[in-house]
Amino acid sequence: MQRALDIGVAGTVLVVSAPVMGAVAVLVATRIGRPVLFRQPRPGLHGKPFTLVKFRTMRDVDERSGLVTDADRLTPLGRALRASSLDELPTMWNVLRGEMSLIGPRPLLMHYLDLYTPEQARRHLVRPGVTGLAQVSGRNAVDWEERLALDVWYVDHRSLALHARILVRTVLILLRRHGITAPGDSTMPQFTGSPRAGS
């Protein structure tokens, strides 16, 4: 049932938002540069890599111009796209292909796989999601320990009722633009491992 919902919603969003995506693509190309789409390997179900697709929000790294950190590279347009989650629209292709679900733990970086505790790694027992419990509990303002714990809780308690609550809360958070960045960071600090990993 969840897969059928994923296909129906993702297909509808791609069709309805096509004019918006076209406009965003033009803005990204003229204000940030090409390529318009950001592609990066991310761990999917059981940690199997897939290519995540989003609209580009950052300029390329350029040490000569001082564009090195995320804060330097993130443009005003990029901030607006992230705040509104318009940068996520192309991710619906990942949902249609079955690499992601509408709801689930967010797909993080490949090199994080070696840093998780066995408990935290259980977040990969389900498909990653466009939105999820951690996102509606504070987005990037939630620290890593809590964020990963919420992902695992979702894995153990997922249901249609929980999915409905997450979808409603996602809409509310987007309207309020809450938790877009972590405190003191332009996006989210790197995960460096759990202090409990060696205990």
C-alpha atoms as a PDB file:
ATOM      1  CA  MET A   1       0.000   0.000   0.000  1.00  0.00           C
ATOM      2  CA  GLN A   2       2.846   2.383   0.823  1.00  0.00           C
ATOM      3  CA  ARG A   3       4.494   1.724  -2.534  1.00  0.00           C
ATOM      4  CA  ALA A   4       1.237   2.415  -4.382  1.00  0.00           C
ATOM      5  CA  LEU A   5       0.878   5.677  -2.455  1.00  0.00           C
ATOM      6  CA  ASP A   6       4.481   6.608  -3.264  1.00  0.00           C
ATOM      7  CA  ILE A   7       3.923   6.093  -6.990  1.00  0.00           C
ATOM      8  CA  GLY A   8       0.602   7.934  -7.049  1.00  0.00           C
ATOM      9  CA  VAL A   9       1.806  10.968  -5.082  1.00  0.00           C
ATOM     10  CA  ALA A  10       5.226  11.217  -6.754  1.00  0.00           C
ATOM     11  CA  GLY A  11       3.733  10.977 -10.233  1.00  0.00           C
ATOM     12  CA  THR A  12       1.115  13.605  -9.429  1.00  0.00           C
ATOM     13  CA  VAL A  13       3.682  15.975  -7.900  1.00  0.00           C
ATOM     14  CA  LEU A  14       5.966  15.676 -10.933  1.00  0.00           C
ATOM     15  CA  VAL A  15       3.124  16.475 -13.339  1.00  0.00           C
ATOM     16  CA  VAL A  16       1.595  19.308 -11.321  1.00  0.00           C
ATOM     17  CA  SER A  17       4.923  20.902 -10.434  1.00  0.00           C
ATOM     18  CA  ALA A  18       6.419  20.695 -13.935  1.00  0.00           C
ATOM     19  CA  PRO A  19       6.022  24.459 -14.603  1.00  0.00           C
ATOM     20  CA  VAL A  20       7.532  25.260 -11.202  1.00  0.00           C
ATOM     21  CA  MET A  21      10.461  22.929 -11.817  1.00  0.00           C
ATOM     22  CA  GLY A  22      11.029  24.534 -15.200  1.00  0.00           C
ATOM     23  CA  ALA A  23      11.162  27.982 -13.605  1.00  0.00           C
ATOM     24  CA  VAL A  24      13.472  26.780 -10.832  1.00  0.00           C
ATOM     25  CA  ALA A  25      15.772  25.160 -13.396  1.00  0.00           C
ATOM     26  CA  VAL A  26      16.103  28.458 -15.271  1.00  0.00           C
ATOM     27  CA  LEU A  27      16.849  30.344 -12.037  1.00  0.00           C
ATOM     28  CA  VAL A  28      19.451  27.823 -10.942  1.00  0.00           C
ATOM     29  CA  ALA A  29      21.140  27.847 -14.348  1.00  0.00           C
ATOM     30  CA  THR A  30      21.363  31.659 -14.470  1.00  0.00           C
ATOM     31  CA  ARG A  31      22.116  32.438 -10.823  1.00  0.00           C
ATOM     32  CA  ILE A  32      24.096  29.440  -9.589  1.00  0.00           C
ATOM     33  CA  GLY A  33      25.291  27.755 -12.761  1.00  0.00           C
ATOM     34  CA  ARG A  34      25.213  24.408 -14.454  1.00  0.00           C
ATOM     35  CA  PRO A  35      24.585  21.586 -13.956  1.00  0.00           C
ATOM     36  CA  VAL A  36      21.116  22.469 -12.712  1.00  0.00           C
ATOM     37  CA  LEU A  37      20.707  19.166 -10.884  1.00  0.00           C
ATOM     38  CA  PHE A  38      22.777  17.977  -7.946  1.00  0.00           C
ATOM     39  CA  ARG A  39      23.504  14.253  -8.066  1.00  0.00           C
ATOM     40  CA  GLN A  40      25.182  12.313  -5.278  1.00  0.00           C
ATOM     41  CA  PRO A  41      25.395   8.656  -4.209  1.00  0.00           C
ATOM     42  CA  ARG A  42      23.389   8.010  -1.053  1.00  0.00           C
ATOM     43  CA  PRO A  43      22.672   4.802   0.882  1.00  0.00           C
ATOM     44  CA  GLY A  44      19.251   3.344   0.248  1.00  0.00           C
ATOM     45  CA  LEU A  45      17.481   0.213   1.464  1.00  0.00           C
ATOM     46  CA  HIS A  46      19.994  -2.016   3.307  1.00  0.00           C
ATOM     47  CA  GLY A  47      22.665   0.601   2.579  1.00  0.00           C
ATOM     48  CA  LYS A  48      22.668  -0.100  -1.171  1.00  0.00           C
ATOM     49  CA  PRO A  49      23.795   3.085  -2.970  1.00  0.00           C
ATOM     50  CA  PHE A  50      21.596   5.027  -5.364  1.00  0.00           C
ATOM     51  CA  THR A  51      21.955   8.456  -6.990  1.00  0.00           C
ATOM     52  CA  LEU A  52      19.964  11.156  -5.208  1.00  0.00           C
ATOM     53  CA  VAL A  53      18.718  13.933  -7.501  1.00  0.00           C
ATOM     54  CA  LYS A  54      17.920  17.466  -6.277  1.00  0.00           C
ATOM     55  CA  PHE A  55      18.110  20.998  -7.592  1.00  0.00           C
ATOM     56  CA  ARG A  56      21.511  22.527  -7.073  1.00  0.00           C
ATOM     57  CA  THR A  57      21.697  25.086  -4.232  1.00  0.00           C
ATOM     58  CA  MET A  58      25.457  25.680  -3.898  1.00  0.00           C
ATOM     59  CA  ARG A  59      28.215  26.988  -6.099  1.00  0.00           C
ATOM     60  CA  ASP A  60      31.187  24.748  -6.901  1.00  0.00           C
ATOM     61  CA  VAL A  61      34.128  24.657  -4.507  1.00  0.00           C
ATOM     62  CA  ASP A  62      36.620  27.329  -5.589  1.00  0.00           C
ATOM     63  CA  GLU A  63      39.578  27.845  -3.246  1.00  0.00           C
ATOM     64  CA  ARG A  64      40.827  30.847  -5.234  1.00  0.00           C
ATOM     65  CA  SER A  65      37.546  32.666  -4.650  1.00  0.00           C
ATOM     66  CA  GLY A  66      37.198  31.471  -1.078  1.00  0.00           C
ATOM     67  CA  LEU A  67      34.199  29.295  -1.868  1.00  0.00           C
ATOM     68  CA  VAL A  68      35.102  26.329   0.308  1.00  0.00           C
ATOM     69  CA  THR A  69      32.617  25.870   3.147  1.00  0.00           C
ATOM     70  CA  ASP A  70      28.887  25.232   2.774  1.00  0.00           C
ATOM     71  CA  ALA A  71      28.208  28.689   4.212  1.00  0.00           C
ATOM     72  CA  ASP A  72      30.370  30.277   1.490  1.00  0.00           C
ATOM     73  CA  ARG A  73      28.895  28.224  -1.328  1.00  0.00           C
ATOM     74  CA  LEU A  74      25.215  28.405  -0.362  1.00  0.00           C
ATOM     75  CA  THR A  75      23.577  31.170  -2.410  1.00  0.00           C
ATOM     76  CA  PRO A  76      20.534  33.315  -1.508  1.00  0.00           C
ATOM     77  CA  LEU A  77      18.566  31.402  -4.138  1.00  0.00           C
ATOM     78  CA  GLY A  78      19.817  28.154  -2.639  1.00  0.00           C
ATOM     79  CA  ARG A  79      18.670  29.201   0.820  1.00  0.00           C
ATOM     80  CA  ALA A  80      15.233  30.066  -0.546  1.00  0.00           C
ATOM     81  CA  LEU A  81      14.967  26.719  -2.355  1.00  0.00           C
ATOM     82  CA  ARG A  82      15.958  24.825   0.778  1.00  0.00           C
ATOM     83  CA  ALA A  83      13.613  26.822   2.998  1.00  0.00           C
ATOM     84  CA  SER A  84      10.683  26.036   0.694  1.00  0.00           C
ATOM     85  CA  SER A  85      11.949  22.498  -0.103  1.00  0.00           C
ATOM     86  CA  LEU A  86      11.593  23.264  -3.818  1.00  0.00           C
ATOM     87  CA  ASP A  87      15.084  21.811  -4.242  1.00  0.00           C
ATOM     88  CA  GLU A  88      13.560  18.427  -3.336  1.00  0.00           C
ATOM     89  CA  LEU A  89      11.084  18.265  -6.241  1.00  0.00           C
ATOM     90  CA  PRO A  90      13.379  16.228  -8.555  1.00  0.00           C
ATOM     91  CA  THR A  91      13.702  13.687  -5.737  1.00  0.00           C
ATOM     92  CA  MET A  92      10.256  12.466  -6.737  1.00  0.00           C
ATOM     93  CA  TRP A  93      12.026  10.654  -9.587  1.00  0.00           C
ATOM     94  CA  ASN A  94      13.892   8.659  -6.928  1.00  0.00           C
ATOM     95  CA  VAL A  95      10.526   7.792  -5.382  1.00  0.00           C
ATOM     96  CA  LEU A  96       9.076   6.672  -8.730  1.00  0.00           C
ATOM     97  CA  ARG A  97      12.123   4.474  -9.351  1.00  0.00           C
ATOM     98  CA  GLY A  98      11.647   2.779  -5.989  1.00  0.00           C
ATOM     99  CA  GLU A  99      14.923   4.056  -4.562  1.00  0.00           C
ATOM    100  CA  MET A 100      13.118   6.207  -2.006  1.00  0.00           C
ATOM    101  CA  SER A 101       9.734   6.471  -0.334  1.00  0.00           C
ATOM    102  CA  LEU A 102       7.742   9.576   0.488  1.00  0.00           C
ATOM    103  CA  ILE A 103       8.301   8.862   4.179  1.00  0.00           C
ATOM    104  CA  GLY A 104      11.310   7.300   5.832  1.00  0.00           C
ATOM    105  CA  PRO A 105      14.715   8.181   7.286  1.00  0.00           C
ATOM    106  CA  ARG A 106      16.471  10.804   5.160  1.00  0.00           C
ATOM    107  CA  PRO A 107      19.261   9.372   2.941  1.00  0.00           C
ATOM    108  CA  LEU A 108      22.507  10.668   4.415  1.00  0.00           C
ATOM    109  CA  LEU A 109      26.096  10.385   3.174  1.00  0.00           C
ATOM    110  CA  MET A 110      27.743   7.122   2.132  1.00  0.00           C
ATOM    111  CA  HIS A 111      30.723   7.509   4.466  1.00  0.00           C
ATOM    112  CA  TYR A 112      28.395   7.689   7.478  1.00  0.00           C
ATOM    113  CA  LEU A 113      27.671   3.969   7.089  1.00  0.00           C
ATOM    114  CA  ASP A 114      30.895   3.042   8.891  1.00  0.00           C
ATOM    115  CA  LEU A 115      30.166   5.464  11.745  1.00  0.00           C
ATOM    116  CA  TYR A 116      26.775   4.151  12.878  1.00  0.00           C
ATOM    117  CA  THR A 117      26.311   1.932  15.883  1.00  0.00           C
ATOM    118  CA  PRO A 118      24.507  -1.357  15.079  1.00  0.00           C
ATOM    119  CA  GLU A 119      21.321   0.208  16.488  1.00  0.00           C
ATOM    120  CA  GLN A 120      21.648   3.357  14.378  1.00  0.00           C
ATOM    121  CA  ALA A 121      22.350   1.274  11.263  1.00  0.00           C
ATOM    122  CA  ARG A 122      18.849  -0.195  11.556  1.00  0.00           C
ATOM    123  CA  ARG A 123      17.582   3.014   9.915  1.00  0.00           C
ATOM    124  CA  HIS A 124      18.483   1.302   6.628  1.00  0.00           C
ATOM    125  CA  LEU A 125      15.986  -1.529   7.113  1.00  0.00           C
ATOM    126  CA  VAL A 126      13.466   0.610   5.194  1.00  0.00           C
ATOM    127  CA  ARG A 127      13.666   2.806   2.106  1.00  0.00           C
ATOM    128  CA  PRO A 128      14.912   6.332   2.782  1.00  0.00           C
ATOM    129  CA  GLY A 129      12.286   9.056   2.597  1.00  0.00           C
ATOM    130  CA  VAL A 130      11.756  12.532   1.215  1.00  0.00           C
ATOM    131  CA  THR A 131      10.423  13.439   4.651  1.00  0.00           C
ATOM    132  CA  GLY A 132      10.443  11.549   7.904  1.00  0.00           C
ATOM    133  CA  LEU A 133       9.945  11.576  11.645  1.00  0.00           C
ATOM    134  CA  ALA A 134      13.254  13.345  12.324  1.00  0.00           C
ATOM    135  CA  GLN A 135      12.387  16.055   9.785  1.00  0.00           C
ATOM    136  CA  VAL A 136       9.008  16.815  11.359  1.00  0.00           C
ATOM    137  CA  SER A 137      10.626  16.805  14.806  1.00  0.00           C
ATOM    138  CA  GLY A 138      12.878  19.757  14.008  1.00  0.00           C
ATOM    139  CA  ARG A 139      14.568  19.136  10.623  1.00  0.00           C
ATOM    140  CA  ASN A 140      18.251  20.090  10.821  1.00  0.00           C
ATOM    141  CA  ALA A 141      17.838  21.707  14.255  1.00  0.00           C
ATOM    142  CA  VAL A 142      17.714  18.224  15.836  1.00  0.00           C
ATOM    143  CA  ASP A 143      21.132  16.912  16.941  1.00  0.00           C
ATOM    144  CA  TRP A 144      22.530  13.730  15.442  1.00  0.00           C
ATOM    145  CA  GLU A 145      21.890  11.448  18.425  1.00  0.00           C
ATOM    146  CA  GLU A 146      18.214  12.358  18.575  1.00  0.00           C
ATOM    147  CA  ARG A 147      17.838  12.375  14.809  1.00  0.00           C
ATOM    148  CA  LEU A 148      19.166   8.832  14.396  1.00  0.00           C
ATOM    149  CA  ALA A 149      17.162   7.595  17.377  1.00  0.00           C
ATOM    150  CA  LEU A 150      13.992   8.984  15.775  1.00  0.00           C
ATOM    151  CA  ASP A 151      14.851   7.190  12.522  1.00  0.00           C
ATOM    152  CA  VAL A 152      15.143   3.859  14.325  1.00  0.00           C
ATOM    153  CA  TRP A 153      11.927   4.505  16.275  1.00  0.00           C
ATOM    154  CA  TYR A 154      10.169   5.075  12.954  1.00  0.00           C
ATOM    155  CA  VAL A 155      11.479   1.763  11.609  1.00  0.00           C
ATOM    156  CA  ASP A 156       9.978  -0.060  14.604  1.00  0.00           C
ATOM    157  CA  HIS A 157       6.641   1.788  14.683  1.00  0.00           C
ATOM    158  CA  ARG A 158       5.802   2.656  11.062  1.00  0.00           C
ATOM    159  CA  SER A 159       2.135   2.503  10.160  1.00  0.00           C
ATOM    160  CA  LEU A 160      -0.360   4.288   7.915  1.00  0.00           C
ATOM    161  CA  ALA A 161      -1.497   6.391  10.865  1.00  0.00           C
ATOM    162  CA  LEU A 162       2.086   7.469  11.608  1.00  0.00           C
ATOM    163  CA  HIS A 163       2.642   8.260   7.927  1.00  0.00           C
ATOM    164  CA  ALA A 164      -0.464  10.451   7.884  1.00  0.00           C
ATOM    165  CA  ARG A 165       0.744  12.385  10.942  1.00  0.00           C
ATOM    166  CA  ILE A 166       4.186  12.875   9.399  1.00  0.00           C
ATOM    167  CA  LEU A 167       2.682  14.193   6.151  1.00  0.00           C
ATOM    168  CA  VAL A 168       0.497  16.703   7.991  1.00  0.00           C
ATOM    169  CA  ARG A 169       3.387  17.870  10.151  1.00  0.00           C
ATOM    170  CA  THR A 170       5.594  18.161   7.063  1.00  0.00           C
ATOM    171  CA  VAL A 171       3.177  20.631   5.491  1.00  0.00           C
ATOM    172  CA  LEU A 172       3.024  22.676   8.707  1.00  0.00           C
ATOM    173  CA  ILE A 173       6.822  22.799   9.012  1.00  0.00           C
ATOM    174  CA  LEU A 174       7.211  23.898   5.401  1.00  0.00           C
ATOM    175  CA  LEU A 175       4.747  26.720   5.975  1.00  0.00           C
ATOM    176  CA  ARG A 176       6.587  27.825   9.118  1.00  0.00           C
ATOM    177  CA  ARG A 177      10.063  27.206   7.615  1.00  0.00           C
ATOM    178  CA  HIS A 178      11.238  25.857  10.953  1.00  0.00           C
ATOM    179  CA  GLY A 179      14.515  24.018  11.576  1.00  0.00           C
ATOM    180  CA  ILE A 180      16.033  24.634   8.139  1.00  0.00           C
ATOM    181  CA  THR A 181      19.546  24.825   9.570  1.00  0.00           C
ATOM    182  CA  ALA A 182      21.278  23.551  12.680  1.00  0.00           C
ATOM    183  CA  PRO A 183      22.117  26.171  15.338  1.00  0.00           C
ATOM    184  CA  GLY A 184      25.371  27.886  14.344  1.00  0.00           C
ATOM    185  CA  ASP A 185      25.606  26.062  11.022  1.00  0.00           C
ATOM    186  CA  SER A 186      24.569  26.931   7.470  1.00  0.00           C
ATOM    187  CA  THR A 187      23.077  23.471   6.935  1.00  0.00           C
ATOM    188  CA  MET A 188      23.862  20.534   9.250  1.00  0.00           C
ATOM    189  CA  PRO A 189      27.227  19.667  10.837  1.00  0.00           C
ATOM    190  CA  GLN A 190      28.954  16.491   9.710  1.00  0.00           C
ATOM    191  CA  PHE A 191      28.180  13.299  11.599  1.00  0.00           C
ATOM    192  CA  THR A 192      31.420  12.066  13.156  1.00  0.00           C
ATOM    193  CA  GLY A 193      30.118   9.054  14.997  1.00  0.00           C
ATOM    194  CA  SER A 194      28.248   8.366  18.185  1.00  0.00           C
ATOM    195  CA  PRO A 195      30.076   8.749  21.496  1.00  0.00           C
ATOM    196  CA  ARG A 196      28.419   5.480  22.478  1.00  0.00           C
ATOM    197  CA  ALA A 197      29.826   3.618  19.468  1.00  0.00           C
ATOM    198  CA  GLY A 198      32.830   2.343  21.376  1.00  0.00           C
ATOM    199  CA  SER A 199      31.066   1.627  24.650  1.00  0.00           C
END
